[in-house]
Protein backbone atom coordinates (compact mmCIF):
# COMPACT_ATOMS: atom_id res chain seq x y z
CA MET A 1 18.15 91.92 119.02
CA LYS A 2 19.64 94.60 116.78
CA THR A 3 17.70 96.38 114.05
CA ILE A 4 19.26 97.69 110.84
CA ALA A 5 17.29 100.11 108.64
CA VAL A 6 18.45 100.31 105.02
CA ILE A 7 17.56 103.76 103.70
CA SER A 8 17.68 105.70 100.45
CA ARG A 9 15.37 108.54 99.56
CA LYS A 10 16.93 108.69 96.09
CA GLY A 11 15.59 106.14 93.60
CA GLY A 12 17.98 103.75 91.90
CA ALA A 13 20.62 103.70 94.64
CA GLY A 14 20.24 99.94 95.11
CA LYS A 15 18.62 99.98 98.55
CA THR A 16 16.68 96.76 98.08
CA THR A 17 19.63 94.91 96.55
CA LEU A 18 21.75 95.91 99.53
CA ALA A 19 19.06 94.88 102.04
CA VAL A 20 18.66 91.45 100.40
CA ASN A 21 22.41 90.86 100.30
CA LEU A 22 23.01 91.98 103.88
CA PHE A 23 20.19 89.70 105.01
CA ALA A 24 21.77 86.76 103.15
CA ALA A 25 25.23 87.50 104.58
CA LEU A 26 23.95 87.70 108.15
CA ARG A 27 22.09 84.42 107.74
CA GLN A 28 25.21 82.79 106.32
CA ALA A 29 27.06 84.04 109.40
CA GLU A 30 24.48 82.10 111.44
CA ARG A 31 22.66 85.12 112.79
CA ARG A 32 18.93 84.50 113.20
CA THR A 33 17.77 87.24 110.86
CA VAL A 34 14.41 88.53 109.62
CA LEU A 35 14.05 90.79 106.58
CA ALA A 36 11.17 93.25 106.86
CA ASP A 37 9.89 94.53 103.51
CA ALA A 38 8.36 97.88 104.49
CA ASP A 39 8.55 99.31 100.96
CA PRO A 40 5.10 99.40 99.30
CA LEU A 41 6.73 98.40 96.00
CA ARG A 42 7.51 95.01 97.60
CA SER A 43 10.68 94.61 95.55
CA THR A 44 12.37 92.59 98.30
CA SER A 45 9.51 90.13 98.53
CA GLU A 46 9.28 89.80 94.76
CA ALA A 47 13.00 89.13 94.48
CA LEU A 48 13.07 86.44 97.15
CA ARG A 49 9.95 84.69 95.89
CA ALA A 50 12.16 83.42 93.06
CA THR A 51 14.21 81.41 95.55
CA PRO A 52 13.87 77.64 95.11
CA GLY A 53 12.63 76.20 98.40
CA ASP A 54 12.87 78.28 101.57
CA GLY A 55 13.94 81.85 100.83
CA GLY A 56 14.12 82.61 104.53
CA PRO A 57 12.06 84.71 106.93
CA VAL A 58 10.87 87.67 104.86
CA VAL A 59 7.91 89.63 106.21
CA GLU A 60 5.81 92.10 104.22
CA THR A 61 4.92 94.94 106.56
CA SER A 62 4.44 98.70 106.81
CA ALA A 63 5.85 101.52 108.92
CA SER A 64 2.87 101.41 111.29
CA LYS A 65 3.50 97.70 111.99
CA LEU A 66 7.26 97.79 112.47
CA PHE A 67 7.17 98.13 116.25
CA ALA A 68 4.89 95.09 116.59
CA LEU A 69 7.12 93.11 114.22
CA SER A 70 10.21 94.12 116.19
CA THR A 71 8.64 93.06 119.48
CA ALA A 72 7.50 89.70 118.10
CA SER A 73 10.89 89.07 116.47
CA ALA A 74 12.79 89.79 119.68
CA ARG A 75 10.50 87.50 121.67
CA SER A 76 11.06 84.66 119.19
CA GLY A 77 14.85 84.86 119.48
CA VAL A 78 15.65 86.79 116.32
CA GLU A 79 19.12 88.38 116.52
CA ARG A 80 18.99 90.80 113.57
CA LEU A 81 16.05 92.59 111.96
CA VAL A 82 16.87 94.16 108.58
CA ILE A 83 14.31 96.71 107.32
CA ASP A 84 14.03 97.59 103.64
CA THR A 85 12.48 101.02 104.15
CA PRO A 86 10.21 102.97 101.77
CA ALA A 87 11.67 105.91 99.86
CA SER A 88 8.81 108.09 101.13
CA PRO A 89 6.87 109.53 102.92
CA GLU A 90 9.29 110.92 105.48
CA ALA A 91 7.03 109.89 108.37
CA ASP A 92 7.48 106.23 107.40
CA ILE A 93 11.25 106.64 107.16
CA VAL A 94 11.27 108.31 110.59
CA ALA A 95 9.37 105.36 112.07
CA ALA A 96 12.09 102.98 110.84
CA ILE A 97 14.92 105.24 112.02
CA LYS A 98 13.44 105.49 115.53
CA LEU A 99 13.28 101.71 115.74
CA ALA A 100 16.77 101.09 114.36
CA ASP A 101 20.02 100.55 116.20
CA LEU A 102 21.90 101.33 112.99
CA CYS A 103 20.84 103.07 109.76
CA LEU A 104 22.65 102.19 106.53
CA ILE A 105 22.25 105.10 104.11
CA VAL A 106 22.76 103.86 100.57
CA ALA A 107 24.20 106.20 97.94
CA ARG A 108 25.85 106.01 94.55
CA PRO A 109 28.90 108.24 93.95
CA THR A 110 26.88 111.01 92.31
CA TYR A 111 26.08 114.58 93.35
CA LEU A 112 22.33 113.96 93.74
CA ASP A 113 22.80 110.73 95.69
CA LEU A 114 25.33 112.38 97.98
CA SER A 115 23.05 115.34 98.62
CA ALA A 116 20.15 113.03 99.51
CA ALA A 117 22.41 110.90 101.73
CA LEU A 118 23.67 113.88 103.71
CA LYS A 119 20.11 115.10 104.31
CA THR A 120 19.09 111.63 105.46
CA LEU A 121 22.10 111.40 107.75
CA GLU A 122 21.15 114.71 109.35
CA LEU A 123 17.68 113.30 110.02
CA VAL A 124 19.25 110.17 111.54
CA ARG A 125 21.40 112.31 113.82
CA GLN A 126 18.44 114.42 114.91
CA LEU A 127 16.73 111.22 116.00
CA SER A 128 19.84 110.12 117.95
CA THR A 129 20.38 106.97 115.91
CA ARG A 130 23.71 105.65 114.65
CA GLY A 131 24.19 105.99 110.89
CA MET A 132 26.68 104.86 108.28
CA VAL A 133 26.84 105.65 104.56
CA VAL A 134 27.32 102.73 102.17
CA LEU A 135 28.60 103.62 98.71
CA ASN A 136 26.93 101.37 96.17
CA GLN A 137 27.18 100.69 92.44
CA CYS A 138 30.65 102.24 92.33
CA PRO A 139 32.83 101.88 89.22
CA PRO A 140 35.71 99.48 89.79
CA ALA A 141 39.06 100.76 90.97
CA ARG A 142 41.82 100.73 88.35
CA ARG A 143 45.38 99.82 89.28
CA GLY A 144 44.48 100.39 92.91
CA ALA A 145 43.16 103.92 92.32
CA GLU A 146 39.55 104.94 92.86
CA PRO A 147 37.67 106.54 89.94
CA ARG A 148 37.35 110.30 90.28
CA SER A 149 33.64 110.14 91.19
CA VAL A 150 34.26 107.71 94.05
CA ALA A 151 37.32 109.55 95.36
CA ALA A 152 35.48 112.89 95.33
CA THR A 153 32.46 111.41 97.13
CA LEU A 154 34.66 109.79 99.80
CA GLU A 155 36.54 113.05 100.32
CA THR A 156 33.28 114.99 100.79
CA LEU A 157 31.94 112.43 103.25
CA ARG A 158 35.13 112.32 105.30
CA PHE A 159 35.43 116.10 105.33
CA SER A 160 31.86 116.20 106.70
CA GLY A 161 32.78 113.73 109.44
CA VAL A 162 30.35 111.15 108.08
CA PRO A 163 30.88 107.48 109.04
CA VAL A 164 31.40 105.49 105.85
CA ALA A 165 31.41 101.72 105.37
CA PRO A 166 35.05 100.64 104.98
CA ARG A 167 34.42 98.96 101.63
CA ALA A 168 32.38 100.24 98.70
CA LEU A 169 30.08 97.93 96.77
CA ARG A 170 30.93 97.93 93.08
CA ALA A 171 28.71 97.81 90.00
CA ARG A 172 28.89 94.09 89.34
CA LEU A 173 26.69 91.84 87.24
CA ALA A 174 26.74 89.25 90.03
CA TYR A 175 24.34 91.34 92.11
CA GLN A 176 21.73 91.40 89.37
CA ASN A 177 22.19 87.73 88.50
CA ALA A 178 21.80 86.76 92.15
CA ILE A 179 18.62 88.82 92.59
CA ALA A 180 17.18 87.26 89.41
CA ARG A 181 17.60 83.86 91.11
CA GLY A 182 16.15 85.08 94.41
CA GLN A 183 19.50 84.94 96.17
CA GLY A 184 22.18 87.09 97.70
CA VAL A 185 25.61 86.98 96.12
CA VAL A 186 26.97 85.04 99.11
CA ASP A 187 24.75 82.14 98.01
CA TYR A 188 24.86 82.67 94.26
CA GLU A 189 28.65 83.08 93.94
CA PRO A 190 30.14 82.35 97.39
CA GLU A 191 33.77 82.76 96.36
CA GLY A 192 33.20 85.82 94.18
CA VAL A 193 34.39 89.38 94.74
CA ALA A 194 30.81 90.63 95.23
CA ALA A 195 30.30 88.10 98.03
CA ALA A 196 33.49 89.34 99.70
CA GLU A 197 32.18 92.92 99.49
CA VAL A 198 28.91 91.99 101.18
CA ARG A 199 30.61 89.95 103.90
CA SER A 200 32.82 92.97 104.57
CA LEU A 201 29.73 95.14 104.96
CA ALA A 202 28.11 92.61 107.31
CA ALA A 203 31.31 92.55 109.38
CA ALA A 204 31.32 96.36 109.53
CA VAL A 205 27.71 96.31 110.74
CA GLU A 206 28.56 93.78 113.44
CA GLN A 207 31.55 95.88 114.48
CA GLN A 208 29.22 98.84 115.05
CA PHE A 209 27.29 96.76 117.56
CA VAL A 210 30.49 95.58 119.27
CA ALA A 211 31.62 99.20 119.62
CA GLU A 212 28.21 100.15 120.98
CA ALA A 213 28.32 97.38 123.58
CA ALA A 214 31.84 98.14 124.84
CA PRO A 215 31.03 101.34 126.82
CA ALA A 216 27.99 99.68 128.39
CA ALA A 217 30.12 96.71 129.49
CA ALA A 218 32.73 99.07 130.93
CA ASN A 219 30.06 100.94 132.88
CA ASP A 220 28.64 97.68 134.22
CA ALA A 221 32.10 96.58 135.35
CA ALA A 222 32.72 99.91 137.07
CA ALA A 223 29.39 99.92 138.92
CA PRO A 224 30.46 97.57 141.77
CA ARG A 225 33.64 99.64 142.31
CA ARG A 226 31.59 102.83 142.56
CA ALA A 227 29.25 101.16 145.02
CA ARG A 228 32.17 100.21 147.29
CA SER A 229 33.85 103.62 147.20
């Protein structure tokens, strides 16, 4: 099982919307996925309660219970655990980071969001966890060119050597309409541009796990040769 912590210590970045949509995309890709709502505001749970019928495995929890939830999920055959983390306190965020195989740090293309994201990424690195910044609520590109705010944010992140999701999520009404119906955009508007953005993010997440597994597989293959030499 792989665990993905969705993090933003800056309010309004769209952390919960991203967590809900990633969860929906992974389920659509036929990954057995659980969404852990560890944010005391319970925005994730409230959003998915609006779903007609079965909204999927969403668990209300807390930082102190994440390890037990992770253990139980792995034992029951869950493949992906997505954690909607609290914005504070830092101790609760640290608990999620320590448990995660990958941290998605959500940020809008603004100075304050970028500053908060870089501080969070430093914390992720200190805890030896893989991290990736996801730009969210970005203005749309025009004639193939990124708006100045997005271009400047991307340049700062790349100059800092920060891993960035290959596709930004744009400010689209579809995300809000989907949440209002208790859905991710991949269910609400499957052929829409927003759904394509989220599927791209889910694919980038999966690629991180493929890259992580490759060195281990190479080491395993080399072990018999070392034993014979």
